[in-house]
Amino acid sequence: MAEFLVISTGGTIASRPGTHGLTPSLPGEELLSGVRGLELFGRVTVLDLLSKDSSNMSPEDWKMMAACLRAEEREYDGFLILHGTDTMAYSASALSFFLPGFSKPVVITGSMLPMGDPDSDAESNILEGFTFLRALAEQGRKGISIAFHGHLIHGPRSQKILSHDSTAFSSINYHELGCILSGKAILGKEPFLAETYPVDVSSLSVENSIFLVTLFPGFRARYLEHLTDAEPRAIVLEALGLGGVPYLGENLLPPIARCREKNIPVIITTQCVYGGVDLSVYEVGRKTLELGAISGKDMTREAIIAKLMITLPAAGPDQLEALLHENFCDEITPGEAPAQG
């Protein structure tokens, strides 16, 4: 009989009305007690690890989840993490980078409405999460994925793109790993998962001195100068289109050049959800490459931030670009990103 561990961390799925709005307060056992047919999946054990709105999740919580999974890896056939949706994609990316060679499948799910709400998607997402988890375990697959609304999404390619709808999550610049069809899990192509990474992540060290900046027409160059003065370990610029950074009027190139002088890496991604960046196409991108900016290629915002947090403690400025562009767990497509999603 298959054995699965449910790790409860809070989120909407475990929330009940409180004085100041919905608050995670439902223990895992009580939460699962309302799910019909759970016994069909085998022996299920519940561990209440956290009880947080996922907006309050921090890198310390990622480390706690990763340590829990490592400690229980040999004891179970698979793991289902119940998690809030707002930072689910960040956690899925971080766990993917924290757990090279993890030998069991980990599925993360949650809901847009609390368990017990008449229109809640909690029960269906849990059942579908177990359906995917059982199929993954039976086929000996591994990796971190998100199960939501009948779809299985590779963790470091996931993103929440809808704030209210039950179809909240999408797979970005990557195929879906599976779907539910007539109640059964149909699995697609497996992701590439390196057994080891070129940096040692076993210490679970995290560097969160990172700025994420979204550009817009008229963005003041002096603001970027001020960010440089704060001396973060890295700056991520959400640029325009394929990675365009303005240099006429408000010229953002001098602050980027100053970052290079101060050994502050600048990673350029795009505000567009699909397609990634290609800094070699337009002048507004090539000029940043000449100044040493690093392309985020087709990685999601969440994957870039999580990968930076986990690689910066072990990487020097001269190593970072190579590490960001190395494929750890199919978080990035080798070669330059396509122009269209």
C-alpha atoms as a PDB file:
ATOM      1  CA  MET A   1       0.000   0.000   0.000  1.00  0.00           C
ATOM      2  CA  ALA A   2       1.315   3.415  -0.963  1.00  0.00           C
ATOM      3  CA  GLU A   3       2.195   5.827   1.834  1.00  0.00           C
ATOM      4  CA  PHE A   4       1.958   9.582   1.419  1.00  0.00           C
ATOM      5  CA  LEU A   5       2.751  12.480   3.726  1.00  0.00           C
ATOM      6  CA  VAL A   6       0.605  15.607   3.648  1.00  0.00           C
ATOM      7  CA  ILE A   7       2.508  18.685   4.842  1.00  0.00           C
ATOM      8  CA  SER A   8       0.120  21.465   5.845  1.00  0.00           C
ATOM      9  CA  THR A   9       1.451  25.043   5.794  1.00  0.00           C
ATOM     10  CA  GLY A  10      -1.736  27.129   5.965  1.00  0.00           C
ATOM     11  CA  GLY A  11      -3.075  29.298   3.142  1.00  0.00           C
ATOM     12  CA  THR A  12      -6.629  29.916   1.989  1.00  0.00           C
ATOM     13  CA  ILE A  13      -7.312  26.191   1.891  1.00  0.00           C
ATOM     14  CA  ALA A  14      -6.859  26.063   5.693  1.00  0.00           C
ATOM     15  CA  SER A  15      -8.486  29.415   6.472  1.00  0.00           C
ATOM     16  CA  ARG A  16     -11.546  30.329   8.468  1.00  0.00           C
ATOM     17  CA  PRO A  17     -13.179  33.749   9.000  1.00  0.00           C
ATOM     18  CA  GLY A  18     -11.519  35.770  11.745  1.00  0.00           C
ATOM     19  CA  THR A  19     -11.802  39.249  13.214  1.00  0.00           C
ATOM     20  CA  HIS A  20      -9.647  40.727  10.447  1.00  0.00           C
ATOM     21  CA  GLY A  21     -10.662  38.455   7.566  1.00  0.00           C
ATOM     22  CA  LEU A  22      -9.727  34.950   6.495  1.00  0.00           C
ATOM     23  CA  THR A  23      -6.956  33.481   8.644  1.00  0.00           C
ATOM     24  CA  PRO A  24      -5.216  30.081   8.368  1.00  0.00           C
ATOM     25  CA  SER A  25      -6.359  28.145  11.426  1.00  0.00           C
ATOM     26  CA  LEU A  26      -7.588  24.734  10.252  1.00  0.00           C
ATOM     27  CA  PRO A  27      -5.328  21.794  11.259  1.00  0.00           C
ATOM     28  CA  GLY A  28      -4.387  19.385   8.503  1.00  0.00           C
ATOM     29  CA  GLU A  29      -6.300  16.423   9.911  1.00  0.00           C
ATOM     30  CA  GLU A  30      -9.477  18.462  10.205  1.00  0.00           C
ATOM     31  CA  LEU A  31      -8.966  19.887   6.726  1.00  0.00           C
ATOM     32  CA  LEU A  32      -8.614  16.440   5.153  1.00  0.00           C
ATOM     33  CA  SER A  33     -11.539  15.010   7.098  1.00  0.00           C
ATOM     34  CA  GLY A  34     -13.896  16.677   4.643  1.00  0.00           C
ATOM     35  CA  VAL A  35     -12.287  15.090   1.572  1.00  0.00           C
ATOM     36  CA  ARG A  36     -14.309  12.112   0.352  1.00  0.00           C
ATOM     37  CA  GLY A  37     -12.463   9.124  -1.115  1.00  0.00           C
ATOM     38  CA  LEU A  38      -9.044   9.928   0.321  1.00  0.00           C
ATOM     39  CA  GLU A  39      -8.713   6.387   1.654  1.00  0.00           C
ATOM     40  CA  LEU A  40      -8.501   5.093  -1.929  1.00  0.00           C
ATOM     41  CA  PHE A  41      -4.998   6.517  -2.332  1.00  0.00           C
ATOM     42  CA  GLY A  42      -3.332   4.484   0.417  1.00  0.00           C
ATOM     43  CA  ARG A  43      -2.053   5.360   3.869  1.00  0.00           C
ATOM     44  CA  VAL A  44      -2.018   9.138   4.427  1.00  0.00           C
ATOM     45  CA  THR A  45      -0.162  10.820   7.298  1.00  0.00           C
ATOM     46  CA  VAL A  46      -0.564  14.522   8.087  1.00  0.00           C
ATOM     47  CA  LEU A  47       2.107  16.876   9.416  1.00  0.00           C
ATOM     48  CA  ASP A  48       1.205  20.436  10.455  1.00  0.00           C
ATOM     49  CA  LEU A  49       4.444  22.247   9.656  1.00  0.00           C
ATOM     50  CA  LEU A  50       3.217  25.859   9.429  1.00  0.00           C
ATOM     51  CA  SER A  51      -0.004  27.831   9.613  1.00  0.00           C
ATOM     52  CA  LYS A  52       0.551  30.933   7.516  1.00  0.00           C
ATOM     53  CA  ASP A  53      -1.086  33.063   4.889  1.00  0.00           C
ATOM     54  CA  SER A  54       1.368  32.491   2.067  1.00  0.00           C
ATOM     55  CA  SER A  55       1.928  36.242   1.728  1.00  0.00           C
ATOM     56  CA  ASN A  56       3.798  35.854   5.031  1.00  0.00           C
ATOM     57  CA  MET A  57       5.996  33.034   3.716  1.00  0.00           C
ATOM     58  CA  SER A  58       9.729  33.687   3.897  1.00  0.00           C
ATOM     59  CA  PRO A  59      12.932  31.948   2.765  1.00  0.00           C
ATOM     60  CA  GLU A  60      13.175  30.536   6.296  1.00  0.00           C
ATOM     61  CA  ASP A  61       9.903  28.712   5.634  1.00  0.00           C
ATOM     62  CA  TRP A  62      11.281  27.313   2.367  1.00  0.00           C
ATOM     63  CA  LYS A  63      14.258  25.999   4.314  1.00  0.00           C
ATOM     64  CA  MET A  64      11.929  24.403   6.870  1.00  0.00           C
ATOM     65  CA  MET A  65       9.932  22.690   4.111  1.00  0.00           C
ATOM     66  CA  ALA A  66      13.091  21.485   2.361  1.00  0.00           C
ATOM     67  CA  ALA A  67      14.546  20.120   5.614  1.00  0.00           C
ATOM     68  CA  CYS A  68      11.258  18.352   6.385  1.00  0.00           C
ATOM     69  CA  LEU A  69      11.179  16.713   2.963  1.00  0.00           C
ATOM     70  CA  ARG A  70      14.798  15.550   3.277  1.00  0.00           C
ATOM     71  CA  ALA A  71      14.127  14.128   6.739  1.00  0.00           C
ATOM     72  CA  GLU A  72      11.079  12.166   5.541  1.00  0.00           C
ATOM     73  CA  GLU A  73      12.325  11.272   2.036  1.00  0.00           C
ATOM     74  CA  ARG A  74      12.822   7.543   2.685  1.00  0.00           C
ATOM     75  CA  GLU A  75       9.653   7.099   4.723  1.00  0.00           C
ATOM     76  CA  TYR A  76       7.008   7.879   2.090  1.00  0.00           C
ATOM     77  CA  ASP A  77       6.230   7.269  -1.577  1.00  0.00           C
ATOM     78  CA  GLY A  78       5.323  10.895  -2.202  1.00  0.00           C
ATOM     79  CA  PHE A  79       4.472  14.202  -0.591  1.00  0.00           C
ATOM     80  CA  LEU A  80       1.524  16.573  -0.894  1.00  0.00           C
ATOM     81  CA  ILE A  81       2.108  20.118   0.384  1.00  0.00           C
ATOM     82  CA  LEU A  82      -0.953  22.235   1.181  1.00  0.00           C
ATOM     83  CA  HIS A  83       0.030  25.862   0.588  1.00  0.00           C
ATOM     84  CA  GLY A  84      -1.440  29.305  -0.008  1.00  0.00           C
ATOM     85  CA  THR A  85      -1.595  30.363  -3.641  1.00  0.00           C
ATOM     86  CA  ASP A  86      -0.029  33.841  -3.471  1.00  0.00           C
ATOM     87  CA  THR A  87       3.559  32.607  -3.086  1.00  0.00           C
ATOM     88  CA  MET A  88       3.083  29.003  -4.165  1.00  0.00           C
ATOM     89  CA  ALA A  89       5.173  29.502  -7.320  1.00  0.00           C
ATOM     90  CA  TYR A  90       8.037  30.992  -5.265  1.00  0.00           C
ATOM     91  CA  SER A  91       7.990  28.001  -2.911  1.00  0.00           C
ATOM     92  CA  ALA A  92       7.807  25.549  -5.825  1.00  0.00           C
ATOM     93  CA  SER A  93      10.837  27.205  -7.439  1.00  0.00           C
ATOM     94  CA  ALA A  94      12.818  27.411  -4.208  1.00  0.00           C
ATOM     95  CA  LEU A  95      12.203  23.771  -3.298  1.00  0.00           C
ATOM     96  CA  SER A  96      13.266  22.750  -6.814  1.00  0.00           C
ATOM     97  CA  PHE A  97      16.626  24.473  -6.259  1.00  0.00           C
ATOM     98  CA  PHE A  98      17.020  23.284  -2.674  1.00  0.00           C
ATOM     99  CA  LEU A  99      16.445  19.580  -3.397  1.00  0.00           C
ATOM    100  CA  PRO A 100      18.742  18.252  -6.152  1.00  0.00           C
ATOM    101  CA  GLY A 101      18.427  14.494  -6.515  1.00  0.00           C
ATOM    102  CA  PHE A 102      15.316  14.278  -4.318  1.00  0.00           C
ATOM    103  CA  SER A 103      14.016  10.800  -5.061  1.00  0.00           C
ATOM    104  CA  LYS A 104      10.256  11.175  -4.511  1.00  0.00           C
ATOM    105  CA  PRO A 105       7.524  13.259  -6.159  1.00  0.00           C
ATOM    106  CA  VAL A 106       6.352  16.407  -4.365  1.00  0.00           C
ATOM    107  CA  VAL A 107       3.026  17.940  -5.379  1.00  0.00           C
ATOM    108  CA  ILE A 108       1.919  21.336  -4.053  1.00  0.00           C
ATOM    109  CA  THR A 109      -1.704  22.425  -4.073  1.00  0.00           C
ATOM    110  CA  GLY A 110      -4.100  24.826  -2.392  1.00  0.00           C
ATOM    111  CA  SER A 111      -7.358  26.551  -3.194  1.00  0.00           C
ATOM    112  CA  MET A 112      -8.882  29.877  -4.092  1.00  0.00           C
ATOM    113  CA  LEU A 113     -11.679  29.474  -1.526  1.00  0.00           C
ATOM    114  CA  PRO A 114     -11.463  27.883   1.949  1.00  0.00           C
ATOM    115  CA  MET A 115     -12.408  24.300   2.617  1.00  0.00           C
ATOM    116  CA  GLY A 116     -16.090  24.279   3.565  1.00  0.00           C
ATOM    117  CA  ASP A 117     -17.097  27.198   1.368  1.00  0.00           C
ATOM    118  CA  PRO A 118     -19.981  26.026  -0.885  1.00  0.00           C
ATOM    119  CA  ASP A 119     -18.033  26.984  -4.022  1.00  0.00           C
ATOM    120  CA  SER A 120     -14.618  25.919  -2.772  1.00  0.00           C
ATOM    121  CA  ASP A 121     -12.138  24.218  -5.064  1.00  0.00           C
ATOM    122  CA  ALA A 122     -10.256  22.805  -2.052  1.00  0.00           C
ATOM    123  CA  GLU A 123     -11.613  19.258  -2.112  1.00  0.00           C
ATOM    124  CA  SER A 124     -11.208  18.823  -5.872  1.00  0.00           C
ATOM    125  CA  ASN A 125      -7.656  20.197  -5.825  1.00  0.00           C
ATOM    126  CA  ILE A 126      -6.672  17.851  -2.995  1.00  0.00           C
ATOM    127  CA  LEU A 127      -8.158  14.815  -4.739  1.00  0.00           C
ATOM    128  CA  GLU A 128      -6.534  15.751  -8.035  1.00  0.00           C
ATOM    129  CA  GLY A 129      -3.261  16.414  -6.225  1.00  0.00           C
ATOM    130  CA  PHE A 130      -3.359  12.875  -4.827  1.00  0.00           C
ATOM    131  CA  THR A 131      -4.347  11.495  -8.229  1.00  0.00           C
ATOM    132  CA  PHE A 132      -1.274  13.092  -9.787  1.00  0.00           C
ATOM    133  CA  LEU A 133       0.925  12.100  -6.837  1.00  0.00           C
ATOM    134  CA  ARG A 134      -0.099   8.432  -7.041  1.00  0.00           C
ATOM    135  CA  ALA A 135       0.549   8.343 -10.795  1.00  0.00           C
ATOM    136  CA  LEU A 136       3.953  10.009 -10.371  1.00  0.00           C
ATOM    137  CA  ALA A 137       4.921   7.581  -7.616  1.00  0.00           C
ATOM    138  CA  GLU A 138       3.786   4.554  -9.625  1.00  0.00           C
ATOM    139  CA  GLN A 139       5.948   5.642 -12.556  1.00  0.00           C
ATOM    140  CA  GLY A 140       8.952   6.410 -10.357  1.00  0.00           C
ATOM    141  CA  ARG A 141       8.912  10.090 -11.245  1.00  0.00           C
ATOM    142  CA  LYS A 142      10.213  12.862  -9.045  1.00  0.00           C
ATOM    143  CA  GLY A 143      10.489  16.635  -8.935  1.00  0.00           C
ATOM    144  CA  ILE A 144       8.454  19.500  -7.508  1.00  0.00           C
ATOM    145  CA  SER A 145       5.158  20.323  -9.216  1.00  0.00           C
ATOM    146  CA  ILE A 146       1.931  22.252  -8.656  1.00  0.00           C
ATOM    147  CA  ALA A 147      -1.459  20.596  -9.100  1.00  0.00           C
ATOM    148  CA  PHE A 148      -4.274  23.038  -9.667  1.00  0.00           C
ATOM    149  CA  HIS A 149      -7.660  22.844 -11.404  1.00  0.00           C
ATOM    150  CA  GLY A 150      -6.846  19.585 -13.178  1.00  0.00           C
ATOM    151  CA  HIS A 151      -3.402  20.592 -14.395  1.00  0.00           C
ATOM    152  CA  LEU A 152       0.079  19.534 -13.283  1.00  0.00           C
ATOM    153  CA  ILE A 153       2.686  22.282 -13.675  1.00  0.00           C
ATOM    154  CA  HIS A 154       6.465  22.013 -13.297  1.00  0.00           C
ATOM    155  CA  GLY A 155       7.395  23.902 -10.114  1.00  0.00           C
ATOM    156  CA  PRO A 156      10.038  26.319 -11.444  1.00  0.00           C
ATOM    157  CA  ARG A 157       7.878  27.099 -14.496  1.00  0.00           C
ATOM    158  CA  SER A 158       4.738  27.927 -12.542  1.00  0.00           C
ATOM    159  CA  GLN A 159       3.162  31.332 -12.030  1.00  0.00           C
ATOM    160  CA  LYS A 160      -0.064  32.599 -10.548  1.00  0.00           C
ATOM    161  CA  ILE A 161      -1.586  34.800 -13.244  1.00  0.00           C
ATOM    162  CA  LEU A 162      -5.181  35.161 -11.997  1.00  0.00           C
ATOM    163  CA  SER A 163      -6.027  36.537  -8.554  1.00  0.00           C
ATOM    164  CA  HIS A 164      -9.594  35.205  -8.224  1.00  0.00           C
ATOM    165  CA  ASP A 165     -10.300  32.457 -10.739  1.00  0.00           C
ATOM    166  CA  SER A 166      -9.862  28.754  -9.986  1.00  0.00           C
ATOM    167  CA  THR A 167      -7.642  28.459 -13.080  1.00  0.00           C
ATOM    168  CA  ALA A 168      -5.121  30.675 -11.285  1.00  0.00           C
ATOM    169  CA  PHE A 169      -1.874  28.948 -12.331  1.00  0.00           C
ATOM    170  CA  SER A 170      -0.171  28.633 -15.700  1.00  0.00           C
ATOM    171  CA  SER A 171       2.900  26.874 -17.009  1.00  0.00           C
ATOM    172  CA  ILE A 172       5.229  29.561 -18.388  1.00  0.00           C
ATOM    173  CA  ASN A 173       7.300  28.864 -21.515  1.00  0.00           C
ATOM    174  CA  TYR A 174       7.054  25.137 -20.815  1.00  0.00           C
ATOM    175  CA  HIS A 175       4.764  22.172 -21.418  1.00  0.00           C
ATOM    176  CA  GLU A 176       2.366  21.045 -18.700  1.00  0.00           C
ATOM    177  CA  LEU A 177       3.402  17.855 -16.938  1.00  0.00           C
ATOM    178  CA  GLY A 178      -0.058  16.354 -16.922  1.00  0.00           C
ATOM    179  CA  CYS A 179      -3.817  16.748 -16.745  1.00  0.00           C
ATOM    180  CA  ILE A 180      -6.831  15.035 -15.243  1.00  0.00           C
ATOM    181  CA  LEU A 181      -9.014  13.305 -17.807  1.00  0.00           C
ATOM    182  CA  SER A 182     -12.148  11.411 -16.713  1.00  0.00           C
ATOM    183  CA  GLY A 183     -10.774  11.289 -13.183  1.00  0.00           C
ATOM    184  CA  LYS A 184      -7.416   9.823 -14.214  1.00  0.00           C
ATOM    185  CA  ALA A 185      -3.978  11.431 -14.299  1.00  0.00           C
ATOM    186  CA  ILE A 186      -2.504  11.662 -17.798  1.00  0.00           C
ATOM    187  CA  LEU A 187       1.206  12.390 -17.494  1.00  0.00           C
ATOM    188  CA  GLY A 188       3.257  14.004 -20.230  1.00  0.00           C
ATOM    189  CA  LYS A 189       6.972  14.409 -20.842  1.00  0.00           C
ATOM    190  CA  GLU A 190       9.210  14.316 -17.774  1.00  0.00           C
ATOM    191  CA  PRO A 191      11.292  17.403 -16.934  1.00  0.00           C
ATOM    192  CA  PHE A 192      15.083  17.306 -16.862  1.00  0.00           C
ATOM    193  CA  LEU A 193      16.269  17.178 -13.253  1.00  0.00           C
ATOM    194  CA  ALA A 194      20.003  17.255 -12.569  1.00  0.00           C
ATOM    195  CA  GLU A 195      21.074  14.875  -9.819  1.00  0.00           C
ATOM    196  CA  THR A 196      23.587  17.412  -8.525  1.00  0.00           C
ATOM    197  CA  TYR A 197      23.990  21.154  -9.022  1.00  0.00           C
ATOM    198  CA  PRO A 198      27.236  23.026  -9.749  1.00  0.00           C
ATOM    199  CA  VAL A 199      26.921  24.766  -6.368  1.00  0.00           C
ATOM    200  CA  ASP A 200      26.483  23.165  -2.959  1.00  0.00           C
ATOM    201  CA  VAL A 201      22.977  23.965  -1.690  1.00  0.00           C
ATOM    202  CA  SER A 202      22.967  21.459   1.177  1.00  0.00           C
ATOM    203  CA  SER A 203      23.501  24.186   3.796  1.00  0.00           C
ATOM    204  CA  LEU A 204      20.182  25.785   2.735  1.00  0.00           C
ATOM    205  CA  SER A 205      21.843  29.214   2.782  1.00  0.00           C
ATOM    206  CA  VAL A 206      19.790  32.063   1.317  1.00  0.00           C
ATOM    207  CA  GLU A 207      20.729  35.572   0.187  1.00  0.00           C
ATOM    208  CA  ASN A 208      17.715  37.874   0.022  1.00  0.00           C
ATOM    209  CA  SER A 209      19.491  41.200  -0.519  1.00  0.00           C
ATOM    210  CA  ILE A 210      17.948  41.456  -3.981  1.00  0.00           C
ATOM    211  CA  PHE A 211      15.991  44.288  -5.578  1.00  0.00           C
ATOM    212  CA  LEU A 212      13.220  43.567  -8.097  1.00  0.00           C
ATOM    213  CA  VAL A 213      12.435  46.677 -10.155  1.00  0.00           C
ATOM    214  CA  THR A 214       9.671  47.071 -12.731  1.00  0.00           C
ATOM    215  CA  LEU A 215      10.464  49.662 -15.404  1.00  0.00           C
ATOM    216  CA  PHE A 216       7.934  51.982 -17.031  1.00  0.00           C
ATOM    217  CA  PRO A 217       8.147  54.952 -19.448  1.00  0.00           C
ATOM    218  CA  GLY A 218       9.630  57.849 -17.478  1.00  0.00           C
ATOM    219  CA  PHE A 219      11.231  55.688 -14.760  1.00  0.00           C
ATOM    220  CA  ARG A 220      13.760  57.981 -13.072  1.00  0.00           C
ATOM    221  CA  ALA A 221      17.389  57.041 -13.604  1.00  0.00           C
ATOM    222  CA  ARG A 222      18.270  58.514 -10.209  1.00  0.00           C
ATOM    223  CA  TYR A 223      16.051  55.944  -8.519  1.00  0.00           C
ATOM    224  CA  LEU A 224      18.185  53.189  -9.978  1.00  0.00           C
ATOM    225  CA  GLU A 225      21.255  55.126  -8.813  1.00  0.00           C
ATOM    226  CA  HIS A 226      19.843  55.125  -5.269  1.00  0.00           C
ATOM    227  CA  LEU A 227      19.279  51.363  -5.445  1.00  0.00           C
ATOM    228  CA  THR A 228      22.896  50.940  -6.486  1.00  0.00           C
ATOM    229  CA  ASP A 229      24.008  52.990  -3.479  1.00  0.00           C
ATOM    230  CA  ALA A 230      22.226  50.484  -1.220  1.00  0.00           C
ATOM    231  CA  GLU A 231      24.679  47.838  -2.527  1.00  0.00           C
ATOM    232  CA  PRO A 232      22.362  44.828  -2.884  1.00  0.00           C
ATOM    233  CA  ARG A 233      23.809  41.492  -3.932  1.00  0.00           C
ATOM    234  CA  ALA A 234      21.796  41.632  -7.191  1.00  0.00           C
ATOM    235  CA  ILE A 235      19.226  43.733  -9.053  1.00  0.00           C
ATOM    236  CA  VAL A 236      16.541  42.206 -11.265  1.00  0.00           C
ATOM    237  CA  LEU A 237      15.039  44.576 -13.827  1.00  0.00           C
ATOM    238  CA  GLU A 238      11.624  43.720 -15.271  1.00  0.00           C
ATOM    239  CA  ALA A 239      12.199  45.469 -18.576  1.00  0.00           C
ATOM    240  CA  LEU A 240       9.975  46.086 -21.594  1.00  0.00           C
ATOM    241  CA  GLY A 241       9.170  43.541 -24.306  1.00  0.00           C
ATOM    242  CA  LEU A 242      12.205  41.447 -25.226  1.00  0.00           C
ATOM    243  CA  GLY A 243      14.245  43.232 -22.563  1.00  0.00           C
ATOM    244  CA  GLY A 244      14.259  46.871 -23.599  1.00  0.00           C
ATOM    245  CA  VAL A 245      15.823  49.362 -21.162  1.00  0.00           C
ATOM    246  CA  PRO A 246      15.308  53.096 -21.922  1.00  0.00           C
ATOM    247  CA  TYR A 247      18.373  55.264 -22.605  1.00  0.00           C
ATOM    248  CA  LEU A 248      16.826  58.393 -24.189  1.00  0.00           C
ATOM    249  CA  GLY A 249      15.518  61.023 -21.783  1.00  0.00           C
ATOM    250  CA  GLU A 250      15.792  59.079 -18.529  1.00  0.00           C
ATOM    251  CA  ASN A 251      18.959  57.149 -19.329  1.00  0.00           C
ATOM    252  CA  LEU A 252      19.158  53.952 -17.281  1.00  0.00           C
ATOM    253  CA  LEU A 253      22.449  52.797 -18.794  1.00  0.00           C
ATOM    254  CA  PRO A 254      24.829  54.771 -16.512  1.00  0.00           C
ATOM    255  CA  PRO A 255      23.351  53.204 -13.334  1.00  0.00           C
ATOM    256  CA  ILE A 256      23.716  49.754 -14.931  1.00  0.00           C
ATOM    257  CA  ALA A 257      27.347  50.555 -15.764  1.00  0.00           C
ATOM    258  CA  ARG A 258      27.855  51.663 -12.155  1.00  0.00           C
ATOM    259  CA  CYS A 259      26.462  48.356 -10.947  1.00  0.00           C
ATOM    260  CA  ARG A 260      29.140  46.577 -12.918  1.00  0.00           C
ATOM    261  CA  GLU A 261      31.826  48.747 -11.308  1.00  0.00           C
ATOM    262  CA  LYS A 262      30.466  47.816  -7.873  1.00  0.00           C
ATOM    263  CA  ASN A 263      30.165  44.090  -8.738  1.00  0.00           C
ATOM    264  CA  ILE A 264      26.376  44.180  -8.433  1.00  0.00           C
ATOM    265  CA  PRO A 265      24.932  41.830 -11.076  1.00  0.00           C
ATOM    266  CA  VAL A 266      21.958  43.158 -13.047  1.00  0.00           C
ATOM    267  CA  ILE A 267      19.601  40.489 -14.397  1.00  0.00           C
ATOM    268  CA  ILE A 268      17.115  41.569 -17.046  1.00  0.00           C
ATOM    269  CA  THR A 269      13.782  39.851 -17.482  1.00  0.00           C
ATOM    270  CA  THR A 270      10.505  40.998 -19.025  1.00  0.00           C
ATOM    271  CA  GLN A 271       7.095  42.164 -17.852  1.00  0.00           C
ATOM    272  CA  CYS A 272       5.553  39.939 -20.520  1.00  0.00           C
ATOM    273  CA  VAL A 273       4.270  36.690 -19.044  1.00  0.00           C
ATOM    274  CA  TYR A 274       5.301  34.504 -21.981  1.00  0.00           C
ATOM    275  CA  GLY A 275       8.280  34.471 -24.336  1.00  0.00           C
ATOM    276  CA  GLY A 276      11.175  35.522 -22.122  1.00  0.00           C
ATOM    277  CA  VAL A 277      13.850  38.034 -23.128  1.00  0.00           C
ATOM    278  CA  ASP A 278      16.370  38.154 -25.950  1.00  0.00           C
ATOM    279  CA  LEU A 279      18.734  41.058 -25.367  1.00  0.00           C
ATOM    280  CA  SER A 280      20.474  40.531 -28.709  1.00  0.00           C
ATOM    281  CA  VAL A 281      17.554  41.676 -30.903  1.00  0.00           C
ATOM    282  CA  TYR A 282      17.115  45.404 -30.238  1.00  0.00           C
ATOM    283  CA  GLU A 283      19.558  48.198 -29.513  1.00  0.00           C
ATOM    284  CA  VAL A 284      17.796  48.844 -26.182  1.00  0.00           C
ATOM    285  CA  GLY A 285      18.784  45.327 -25.168  1.00  0.00           C
ATOM    286  CA  ARG A 286      22.233  45.062 -26.734  1.00  0.00           C
ATOM    287  CA  LYS A 287      23.446  48.169 -24.934  1.00  0.00           C
ATOM    288  CA  THR A 288      22.741  46.488 -21.601  1.00  0.00           C
ATOM    289  CA  LEU A 289      24.650  43.370 -22.654  1.00  0.00           C
ATOM    290  CA  GLU A 290      27.634  45.565 -23.486  1.00  0.00           C
ATOM    291  CA  LEU A 291      27.475  46.865 -19.912  1.00  0.00           C
ATOM    292  CA  GLY A 292      27.535  43.379 -18.444  1.00  0.00           C
ATOM    293  CA  ALA A 293      23.826  42.843 -17.764  1.00  0.00           C
ATOM    294  CA  ILE A 294      22.707  39.195 -17.577  1.00  0.00           C
ATOM    295  CA  SER A 295      19.757  37.889 -19.577  1.00  0.00           C
ATOM    296  CA  GLY A 296      17.020  36.173 -17.583  1.00  0.00           C
ATOM    297  CA  LYS A 297      16.149  34.284 -20.783  1.00  0.00           C
ATOM    298  CA  ASP A 298      12.802  32.498 -20.398  1.00  0.00           C
ATOM    299  CA  MET A 299      12.834  31.958 -16.630  1.00  0.00           C
ATOM    300  CA  THR A 300       9.887  33.150 -14.587  1.00  0.00           C
ATOM    301  CA  ARG A 301      10.283  36.010 -12.132  1.00  0.00           C
ATOM    302  CA  GLU A 302       9.866  33.522  -9.294  1.00  0.00           C
ATOM    303  CA  ALA A 303      12.528  31.167 -10.639  1.00  0.00           C
ATOM    304  CA  ILE A 304      15.021  34.007 -11.137  1.00  0.00           C
ATOM    305  CA  ILE A 305      14.550  35.337  -7.608  1.00  0.00           C
ATOM    306  CA  ALA A 306      14.698  31.891  -5.991  1.00  0.00           C
ATOM    307  CA  LYS A 307      17.719  30.825  -8.044  1.00  0.00           C
ATOM    308  CA  LEU A 308      19.549  34.026  -7.157  1.00  0.00           C
ATOM    309  CA  MET A 309      18.761  33.618  -3.465  1.00  0.00           C
ATOM    310  CA  ILE A 310      20.147  30.098  -3.452  1.00  0.00           C
ATOM    311  CA  THR A 311      23.179  30.523  -5.760  1.00  0.00           C
ATOM    312  CA  LEU A 312      24.457  33.918  -4.568  1.00  0.00           C
ATOM    313  CA  PRO A 313      25.823  32.585  -1.237  1.00  0.00           C
ATOM    314  CA  ALA A 314      28.060  30.141  -3.117  1.00  0.00           C
ATOM    315  CA  ALA A 315      28.886  32.099  -6.276  1.00  0.00           C
ATOM    316  CA  GLY A 316      31.315  34.907  -7.027  1.00  0.00           C
ATOM    317  CA  PRO A 317      30.361  37.737  -9.439  1.00  0.00           C
ATOM    318  CA  ASP A 318      32.344  36.053 -12.225  1.00  0.00           C
ATOM    319  CA  GLN A 319      30.439  32.768 -11.781  1.00  0.00           C
ATOM    320  CA  LEU A 320      26.888  34.035 -11.505  1.00  0.00           C
ATOM    321  CA  GLU A 321      26.014  34.404 -15.193  1.00  0.00           C
ATOM    322  CA  ALA A 322      27.153  30.869 -15.988  1.00  0.00           C
ATOM    323  CA  LEU A 323      25.168  29.508 -13.040  1.00  0.00           C
ATOM    324  CA  LEU A 324      22.007  31.407 -13.923  1.00  0.00           C
ATOM    325  CA  HIS A 325      22.213  30.142 -17.495  1.00  0.00           C
ATOM    326  CA  GLU A 326      22.908  26.534 -16.493  1.00  0.00           C
ATOM    327  CA  ASN A 327      19.867  24.302 -16.515  1.00  0.00           C
ATOM    328  CA  PHE A 328      19.399  22.828 -13.036  1.00  0.00           C
ATOM    329  CA  CYS A 329      15.845  21.479 -13.258  1.00  0.00           C
ATOM    330  CA  ASP A 330      14.296  22.687 -16.531  1.00  0.00           C
ATOM    331  CA  GLU A 331      13.796  26.168 -15.100  1.00  0.00           C
ATOM    332  CA  ILE A 332      15.474  27.617 -18.211  1.00  0.00           C
ATOM    333  CA  THR A 333      15.615  26.673 -21.883  1.00  0.00           C
ATOM    334  CA  PRO A 334      19.214  26.288 -23.111  1.00  0.00           C
ATOM    335  CA  GLY A 335      20.072  28.951 -25.682  1.00  0.00           C
ATOM    336  CA  GLU A 336      18.402  32.334 -26.118  1.00  0.00           C
ATOM    337  CA  ALA A 337      14.686  32.553 -25.419  1.00  0.00           C
ATOM    338  CA  PRO A 338      12.266  32.675 -28.351  1.00  0.00           C
ATOM    339  CA  ALA A 339      10.745  36.007 -29.319  1.00  0.00           C
ATOM    340  CA  GLN A 340       7.189  34.796 -28.863  1.00  0.00           C
ATOM    341  CA  GLY A 341       5.480  32.604 -26.291  1.00  0.00           C
END
